[in-house]
N, C-alpha and C. Protein backbone atom coordinates (compact mmCIF):
# COMPACT_ATOMS: atom_id res chain seq x y z
N UNK A 1 -7.92 43.65 9.85
CA UNK A 1 -6.93 43.82 10.90
C UNK A 1 -7.02 42.70 11.93
N UNK A 2 -8.26 42.35 12.33
CA UNK A 2 -8.45 41.30 13.33
C UNK A 2 -7.97 39.96 12.78
N UNK A 3 -8.26 39.71 11.50
CA UNK A 3 -7.85 38.46 10.88
C UNK A 3 -6.33 38.31 10.89
N UNK A 4 -5.64 39.42 10.62
CA UNK A 4 -4.17 39.40 10.64
C UNK A 4 -3.68 39.09 12.05
N UNK A 5 -4.28 39.70 13.05
CA UNK A 5 -3.89 39.47 14.44
C UNK A 5 -4.12 38.01 14.83
N UNK A 6 -5.27 37.45 14.45
CA UNK A 6 -5.59 36.05 14.76
C UNK A 6 -4.58 35.13 14.08
N UNK A 7 -4.26 35.41 12.84
CA UNK A 7 -3.28 34.59 12.12
C UNK A 7 -1.91 34.65 12.78
N UNK A 8 -1.52 35.83 13.25
CA UNK A 8 -0.24 35.97 13.95
C UNK A 8 -0.23 35.16 15.24
N UNK A 9 -1.32 35.19 15.97
CA UNK A 9 -1.42 34.42 17.22
C UNK A 9 -1.32 32.93 16.91
N UNK A 10 -2.02 32.49 15.89
CA UNK A 10 -1.98 31.06 15.52
C UNK A 10 -0.56 30.65 15.14
N UNK A 11 0.13 31.49 14.40
CA UNK A 11 1.51 31.18 14.02
C UNK A 11 2.40 31.06 15.26
N UNK A 12 2.18 31.94 16.23
CA UNK A 12 2.95 31.87 17.47
C UNK A 12 2.63 30.59 18.25
N UNK A 13 1.34 30.21 18.27
CA UNK A 13 0.94 28.98 18.96
C UNK A 13 1.59 27.75 18.34
N UNK A 14 1.75 27.76 17.04
CA UNK A 14 2.37 26.63 16.35
C UNK A 14 3.81 26.40 16.80
N UNK A 15 4.45 27.46 17.26
CA UNK A 15 5.86 27.39 17.65
C UNK A 15 6.06 26.93 19.09
N UNK A 16 4.98 26.83 19.86
CA UNK A 16 5.09 26.46 21.27
C UNK A 16 5.51 25.00 21.43
N UNK A 17 6.31 24.76 22.46
CA UNK A 17 6.62 23.38 22.83
C UNK A 17 5.44 22.81 23.61
N UNK A 18 5.45 21.54 23.86
CA UNK A 18 4.38 20.91 24.61
C UNK A 18 4.29 21.49 26.02
N UNK A 19 5.43 21.72 26.64
CA UNK A 19 5.45 22.29 27.98
C UNK A 19 4.87 23.71 27.97
N UNK A 20 5.27 24.51 26.98
CA UNK A 20 4.77 25.88 26.89
C UNK A 20 3.26 25.89 26.64
N UNK A 21 2.78 24.98 25.82
CA UNK A 21 1.33 24.90 25.55
C UNK A 21 0.58 24.53 26.82
N UNK A 22 1.15 23.63 27.61
CA UNK A 22 0.53 23.23 28.86
C UNK A 22 0.44 24.42 29.82
N UNK A 23 1.50 25.19 29.90
CA UNK A 23 1.51 26.39 30.75
C UNK A 23 0.48 27.41 30.26
N UNK A 24 0.37 27.56 28.95
CA UNK A 24 -0.60 28.49 28.38
C UNK A 24 -2.02 28.10 28.78
N UNK A 25 -2.33 26.82 28.70
CA UNK A 25 -3.67 26.34 29.07
C UNK A 25 -3.94 26.63 30.54
N UNK A 26 -2.94 26.39 31.40
CA UNK A 26 -3.12 26.66 32.83
C UNK A 26 -3.42 28.14 33.08
N UNK A 27 -2.69 29.01 32.41
CA UNK A 27 -2.91 30.45 32.60
C UNK A 27 -4.26 30.89 32.06
N UNK A 28 -4.68 30.33 30.94
CA UNK A 28 -6.00 30.67 30.38
C UNK A 28 -7.09 30.24 31.36
N UNK A 29 -6.92 29.06 31.97
CA UNK A 29 -7.90 28.58 32.96
C UNK A 29 -7.98 29.56 34.13
N UNK A 30 -6.82 30.03 34.62
CA UNK A 30 -6.80 30.94 35.77
C UNK A 30 -7.35 32.32 35.41
N UNK A 31 -6.90 32.87 34.32
CA UNK A 31 -7.28 34.24 33.96
C UNK A 31 -8.76 34.34 33.58
N UNK A 32 -9.25 33.39 32.81
CA UNK A 32 -10.63 33.47 32.31
C UNK A 32 -11.61 32.64 33.12
N UNK A 33 -11.11 31.94 34.13
CA UNK A 33 -11.99 31.17 35.00
C UNK A 33 -12.67 29.99 34.31
N UNK A 34 -11.98 29.37 33.39
CA UNK A 34 -12.54 28.19 32.72
C UNK A 34 -11.75 26.96 33.15
N UNK A 35 -12.38 25.82 33.01
CA UNK A 35 -11.72 24.59 33.38
C UNK A 35 -11.79 23.63 32.20
N UNK A 36 -10.65 23.34 31.62
CA UNK A 36 -10.62 22.48 30.42
C UNK A 36 -10.75 21.01 30.76
N UNK A 37 -10.49 20.63 31.99
CA UNK A 37 -10.56 19.21 32.35
C UNK A 37 -11.99 18.70 32.40
N UNK A 38 -12.99 19.61 32.52
CA UNK A 38 -14.39 19.20 32.57
C UNK A 38 -15.03 19.08 31.19
N UNK A 39 -14.32 19.48 30.18
CA UNK A 39 -14.89 19.42 28.83
C UNK A 39 -14.95 17.96 28.41
N UNK A 40 -16.18 17.53 28.06
CA UNK A 40 -16.31 16.13 27.65
C UNK A 40 -15.78 15.99 26.24
N UNK A 41 -15.18 14.85 26.01
CA UNK A 41 -14.63 14.62 24.68
C UNK A 41 -15.74 14.22 23.73
N UNK A 42 -15.71 14.78 22.58
CA UNK A 42 -16.69 14.49 21.55
C UNK A 42 -16.13 13.38 20.68
N UNK A 43 -16.92 12.32 20.47
CA UNK A 43 -16.38 11.25 19.62
C UNK A 43 -16.11 11.77 18.22
N UNK A 44 -14.98 11.35 17.69
CA UNK A 44 -14.63 11.78 16.34
C UNK A 44 -14.56 10.56 15.44
N UNK A 45 -14.81 10.79 14.19
CA UNK A 45 -14.71 9.70 13.22
C UNK A 45 -13.24 9.48 12.92
N UNK A 46 -12.83 8.26 13.06
CA UNK A 46 -11.43 7.93 12.80
C UNK A 46 -11.31 7.48 11.35
N UNK A 47 -10.40 8.12 10.65
CA UNK A 47 -10.18 7.75 9.26
C UNK A 47 -9.45 6.41 9.21
N UNK A 48 -9.74 5.60 8.21
CA UNK A 48 -9.03 4.33 8.10
C UNK A 48 -7.54 4.57 7.88
N UNK A 49 -6.75 3.63 8.37
CA UNK A 49 -5.31 3.76 8.20
C UNK A 49 -4.96 3.68 6.72
N UNK A 50 -3.75 4.06 6.40
CA UNK A 50 -3.30 4.02 5.01
C UNK A 50 -3.37 2.60 4.47
N UNK A 51 -2.98 1.60 5.28
CA UNK A 51 -3.05 0.20 4.84
C UNK A 51 -4.48 -0.18 4.48
N UNK A 52 -5.44 0.23 5.31
CA UNK A 52 -6.84 -0.09 5.03
C UNK A 52 -7.31 0.60 3.76
N UNK A 53 -6.87 1.83 3.56
CA UNK A 53 -7.27 2.55 2.35
C UNK A 53 -6.70 1.87 1.12
N UNK A 54 -5.47 1.42 1.21
CA UNK A 54 -4.85 0.73 0.08
C UNK A 54 -5.58 -0.56 -0.21
N UNK A 55 -5.90 -1.31 0.86
CA UNK A 55 -6.61 -2.57 0.68
C UNK A 55 -7.95 -2.37 -0.01
N UNK A 56 -8.69 -1.38 0.42
CA UNK A 56 -10.02 -1.20 -0.12
C UNK A 56 -10.01 -0.55 -1.49
N UNK A 57 -8.99 0.19 -1.81
CA UNK A 57 -8.96 0.91 -3.07
C UNK A 57 -7.99 0.31 -4.08
N UNK A 58 -7.43 -0.84 -3.80
CA UNK A 58 -6.45 -1.42 -4.70
C UNK A 58 -7.12 -1.79 -6.01
N UNK A 59 -6.65 -1.18 -7.08
CA UNK A 59 -7.22 -1.50 -8.38
C UNK A 59 -6.16 -2.00 -9.35
N UNK A 60 -4.91 -2.03 -8.92
CA UNK A 60 -3.87 -2.64 -9.74
C UNK A 60 -3.17 -3.72 -8.93
N UNK A 61 -2.75 -4.75 -9.63
CA UNK A 61 -2.17 -5.91 -8.97
C UNK A 61 -0.90 -6.34 -9.68
N UNK A 62 -0.05 -7.04 -8.93
CA UNK A 62 1.18 -7.60 -9.48
C UNK A 62 1.05 -9.12 -9.47
N UNK A 63 1.60 -9.75 -10.50
CA UNK A 63 1.59 -11.21 -10.59
C UNK A 63 3.01 -11.68 -10.34
N UNK A 64 3.17 -12.57 -9.37
CA UNK A 64 4.49 -13.06 -8.99
C UNK A 64 4.53 -14.56 -9.23
N UNK A 65 5.52 -14.98 -10.01
CA UNK A 65 5.74 -16.40 -10.26
C UNK A 65 6.61 -16.93 -9.14
N UNK A 66 6.05 -17.82 -8.33
CA UNK A 66 6.74 -18.34 -7.15
C UNK A 66 7.63 -19.54 -7.50
N UNK A 67 7.08 -20.50 -8.24
CA UNK A 67 7.86 -21.68 -8.61
C UNK A 67 7.23 -22.36 -9.82
N UNK A 68 8.05 -23.19 -10.48
CA UNK A 68 7.57 -23.97 -11.62
C UNK A 68 8.04 -25.41 -11.44
N UNK A 69 7.45 -26.36 -12.18
CA UNK A 69 7.88 -27.75 -12.07
C UNK A 69 9.36 -27.90 -12.43
N UNK A 70 9.97 -28.95 -11.92
CA UNK A 70 11.39 -29.20 -12.15
C UNK A 70 11.70 -29.65 -13.57
N UNK A 71 12.99 -29.85 -13.85
CA UNK A 71 13.47 -30.25 -15.17
C UNK A 71 12.83 -31.53 -15.67
N UNK A 72 12.44 -32.42 -14.76
CA UNK A 72 11.87 -33.71 -15.16
C UNK A 72 10.51 -33.58 -15.84
N UNK A 73 9.86 -32.45 -15.68
CA UNK A 73 8.53 -32.25 -16.27
C UNK A 73 8.63 -31.19 -17.38
N UNK A 74 9.31 -31.59 -18.47
CA UNK A 74 9.62 -30.65 -19.56
C UNK A 74 8.38 -30.09 -20.25
N UNK A 75 7.34 -30.91 -20.40
CA UNK A 75 6.16 -30.43 -21.13
C UNK A 75 5.48 -29.28 -20.37
N UNK A 76 5.42 -29.38 -19.04
CA UNK A 76 4.83 -28.30 -18.26
C UNK A 76 5.71 -27.06 -18.28
N UNK A 77 7.02 -27.27 -18.21
CA UNK A 77 7.95 -26.14 -18.25
C UNK A 77 7.83 -25.39 -19.57
N UNK A 78 7.75 -26.14 -20.67
CA UNK A 78 7.61 -25.51 -21.99
C UNK A 78 6.30 -24.72 -22.08
N UNK A 79 5.24 -25.29 -21.53
CA UNK A 79 3.95 -24.58 -21.53
C UNK A 79 4.06 -23.28 -20.72
N UNK A 80 4.76 -23.34 -19.61
CA UNK A 80 4.96 -22.14 -18.78
C UNK A 80 5.77 -21.10 -19.55
N UNK A 81 6.84 -21.54 -20.24
CA UNK A 81 7.64 -20.60 -21.03
C UNK A 81 6.79 -19.93 -22.10
N UNK A 82 5.91 -20.70 -22.75
CA UNK A 82 5.03 -20.14 -23.79
C UNK A 82 4.11 -19.07 -23.20
N UNK A 83 3.54 -19.38 -22.04
CA UNK A 83 2.64 -18.41 -21.40
C UNK A 83 3.42 -17.16 -20.99
N UNK A 84 4.61 -17.36 -20.43
CA UNK A 84 5.44 -16.22 -20.03
C UNK A 84 5.79 -15.34 -21.22
N UNK A 85 6.11 -15.96 -22.34
CA UNK A 85 6.43 -15.20 -23.56
C UNK A 85 5.22 -14.37 -23.99
N UNK A 86 4.05 -14.99 -23.92
CA UNK A 86 2.82 -14.31 -24.33
C UNK A 86 2.50 -13.13 -23.40
N UNK A 87 2.66 -13.38 -22.10
CA UNK A 87 2.28 -12.38 -21.10
C UNK A 87 3.30 -11.24 -21.02
N UNK A 88 4.58 -11.58 -21.09
CA UNK A 88 5.63 -10.57 -20.87
C UNK A 88 6.25 -10.05 -22.15
N UNK A 89 5.94 -10.68 -23.27
CA UNK A 89 6.52 -10.33 -24.57
C UNK A 89 8.03 -10.56 -24.61
N UNK A 90 8.51 -11.50 -23.79
CA UNK A 90 9.92 -11.86 -23.79
C UNK A 90 10.18 -12.93 -24.83
N UNK A 91 11.44 -13.07 -25.21
CA UNK A 91 11.83 -14.17 -26.07
C UNK A 91 11.91 -15.45 -25.26
N UNK A 92 12.10 -16.58 -25.94
CA UNK A 92 12.16 -17.87 -25.24
C UNK A 92 13.32 -17.90 -24.25
N UNK A 93 14.49 -17.42 -24.68
CA UNK A 93 15.67 -17.43 -23.81
C UNK A 93 15.42 -16.58 -22.56
N UNK A 94 14.86 -15.39 -22.75
CA UNK A 94 14.60 -14.50 -21.62
C UNK A 94 13.55 -15.08 -20.68
N UNK A 95 12.53 -15.73 -21.25
CA UNK A 95 11.49 -16.35 -20.42
C UNK A 95 12.09 -17.47 -19.58
N UNK A 96 12.99 -18.24 -20.18
CA UNK A 96 13.63 -19.33 -19.45
C UNK A 96 14.53 -18.76 -18.35
N UNK A 97 15.29 -17.71 -18.67
CA UNK A 97 16.17 -17.08 -17.67
C UNK A 97 15.37 -16.49 -16.52
N UNK A 98 14.20 -15.98 -16.82
CA UNK A 98 13.33 -15.40 -15.79
C UNK A 98 13.01 -16.44 -14.71
N UNK A 99 12.88 -17.69 -15.12
CA UNK A 99 12.49 -18.74 -14.17
C UNK A 99 13.67 -19.31 -13.40
N UNK A 100 14.89 -18.85 -13.68
CA UNK A 100 16.06 -19.39 -13.00
C UNK A 100 16.19 -18.91 -11.56
N UNK A 101 15.63 -17.77 -11.24
CA UNK A 101 15.75 -17.24 -9.87
C UNK A 101 14.38 -16.75 -9.40
N UNK A 102 13.56 -17.68 -9.01
CA UNK A 102 12.20 -17.36 -8.54
C UNK A 102 12.21 -17.12 -7.05
N UNK A 103 11.29 -16.39 -6.50
CA UNK A 103 10.12 -15.76 -7.11
C UNK A 103 10.50 -14.51 -7.89
N UNK A 104 9.72 -14.23 -8.93
CA UNK A 104 9.92 -13.06 -9.78
C UNK A 104 8.58 -12.44 -10.13
N UNK A 105 8.55 -11.12 -10.19
CA UNK A 105 7.35 -10.43 -10.65
C UNK A 105 7.33 -10.53 -12.17
N UNK A 106 6.24 -11.05 -12.71
CA UNK A 106 6.18 -11.19 -14.16
C UNK A 106 5.28 -10.15 -14.81
N UNK A 107 4.39 -9.57 -14.03
CA UNK A 107 3.52 -8.52 -14.56
C UNK A 107 3.14 -7.62 -13.39
N UNK A 108 3.18 -6.31 -13.60
CA UNK A 108 2.84 -5.40 -12.50
C UNK A 108 1.83 -4.35 -12.93
N UNK A 109 1.10 -3.88 -11.94
CA UNK A 109 0.11 -2.81 -12.13
C UNK A 109 -0.91 -3.14 -13.22
N UNK A 110 -1.52 -4.31 -13.08
CA UNK A 110 -2.56 -4.70 -14.03
C UNK A 110 -3.87 -4.88 -13.28
N UNK A 111 -4.96 -5.00 -14.02
CA UNK A 111 -6.27 -5.15 -13.38
C UNK A 111 -6.37 -6.50 -12.69
N UNK A 112 -7.31 -6.60 -11.78
CA UNK A 112 -7.52 -7.85 -11.04
C UNK A 112 -7.89 -8.97 -12.01
N UNK A 113 -8.72 -8.67 -12.99
CA UNK A 113 -9.15 -9.69 -13.95
C UNK A 113 -7.95 -10.21 -14.75
N UNK A 114 -7.09 -9.31 -15.22
CA UNK A 114 -5.90 -9.73 -15.97
C UNK A 114 -4.99 -10.59 -15.09
N UNK A 115 -4.79 -10.16 -13.85
CA UNK A 115 -3.93 -10.91 -12.93
C UNK A 115 -4.48 -12.31 -12.69
N UNK A 116 -5.78 -12.41 -12.48
CA UNK A 116 -6.38 -13.72 -12.24
C UNK A 116 -6.31 -14.61 -13.48
N UNK A 117 -6.47 -14.02 -14.66
CA UNK A 117 -6.36 -14.80 -15.90
C UNK A 117 -4.96 -15.39 -16.05
N UNK A 118 -3.94 -14.57 -15.80
CA UNK A 118 -2.56 -15.05 -15.89
C UNK A 118 -2.31 -16.13 -14.84
N UNK A 119 -2.81 -15.90 -13.63
CA UNK A 119 -2.63 -16.87 -12.56
C UNK A 119 -3.23 -18.22 -12.93
N UNK A 120 -4.44 -18.20 -13.46
CA UNK A 120 -5.12 -19.45 -13.83
C UNK A 120 -4.36 -20.17 -14.94
N UNK A 121 -3.92 -19.42 -15.96
CA UNK A 121 -3.17 -20.03 -17.06
C UNK A 121 -1.93 -20.74 -16.55
N UNK A 122 -1.18 -20.07 -15.69
CA UNK A 122 0.06 -20.64 -15.19
C UNK A 122 -0.19 -21.78 -14.20
N UNK A 123 -1.19 -21.66 -13.37
CA UNK A 123 -1.49 -22.73 -12.42
C UNK A 123 -1.97 -23.99 -13.14
N UNK A 124 -2.65 -23.82 -14.26
CA UNK A 124 -3.14 -24.98 -15.01
C UNK A 124 -2.00 -25.83 -15.57
N UNK A 125 -0.81 -25.25 -15.70
CA UNK A 125 0.34 -26.03 -16.19
C UNK A 125 1.38 -26.26 -15.09
N UNK A 126 0.96 -26.11 -13.83
CA UNK A 126 1.81 -26.53 -12.71
C UNK A 126 2.62 -25.45 -12.02
N UNK A 127 2.46 -24.20 -12.39
CA UNK A 127 3.22 -23.13 -11.74
C UNK A 127 2.52 -22.68 -10.46
N UNK A 128 3.30 -22.15 -9.54
CA UNK A 128 2.75 -21.56 -8.32
C UNK A 128 2.84 -20.05 -8.50
N UNK A 129 1.68 -19.38 -8.44
CA UNK A 129 1.60 -17.95 -8.74
C UNK A 129 0.89 -17.24 -7.60
N UNK A 130 1.37 -16.04 -7.29
CA UNK A 130 0.76 -15.23 -6.24
C UNK A 130 0.39 -13.87 -6.83
N UNK A 131 -0.75 -13.35 -6.40
CA UNK A 131 -1.18 -12.02 -6.81
C UNK A 131 -1.10 -11.09 -5.61
N UNK A 132 -0.46 -9.95 -5.81
CA UNK A 132 -0.34 -8.94 -4.74
C UNK A 132 -1.02 -7.68 -5.16
């Protein structure tokens, strides 16, 4: 019975506005002779923000192709197309079309090691690659 009563009170407290809660505290101080302003604050552990949690727990990465050498450097471009075909399983035409509007995500949600391997392969033939 007491538990039900306590739960009902808590539900009612949840519905109070900030002003009503302030008035409630004032009346509790007067009626019970307590003073809430003298209560020292206890330090609490602050949880890391969501961004910090994501940073520390990130286990999947995206590989973004930022730019590739121009038309004048055909051998490097062909090498990049070959790597893109291998990494993305695209055909030659699709790999070439992918590079027409950069930056583009070429691989997503992969391990850090896989992302770094792809980045190194592409950078070795002149591409600019970013890992997120």
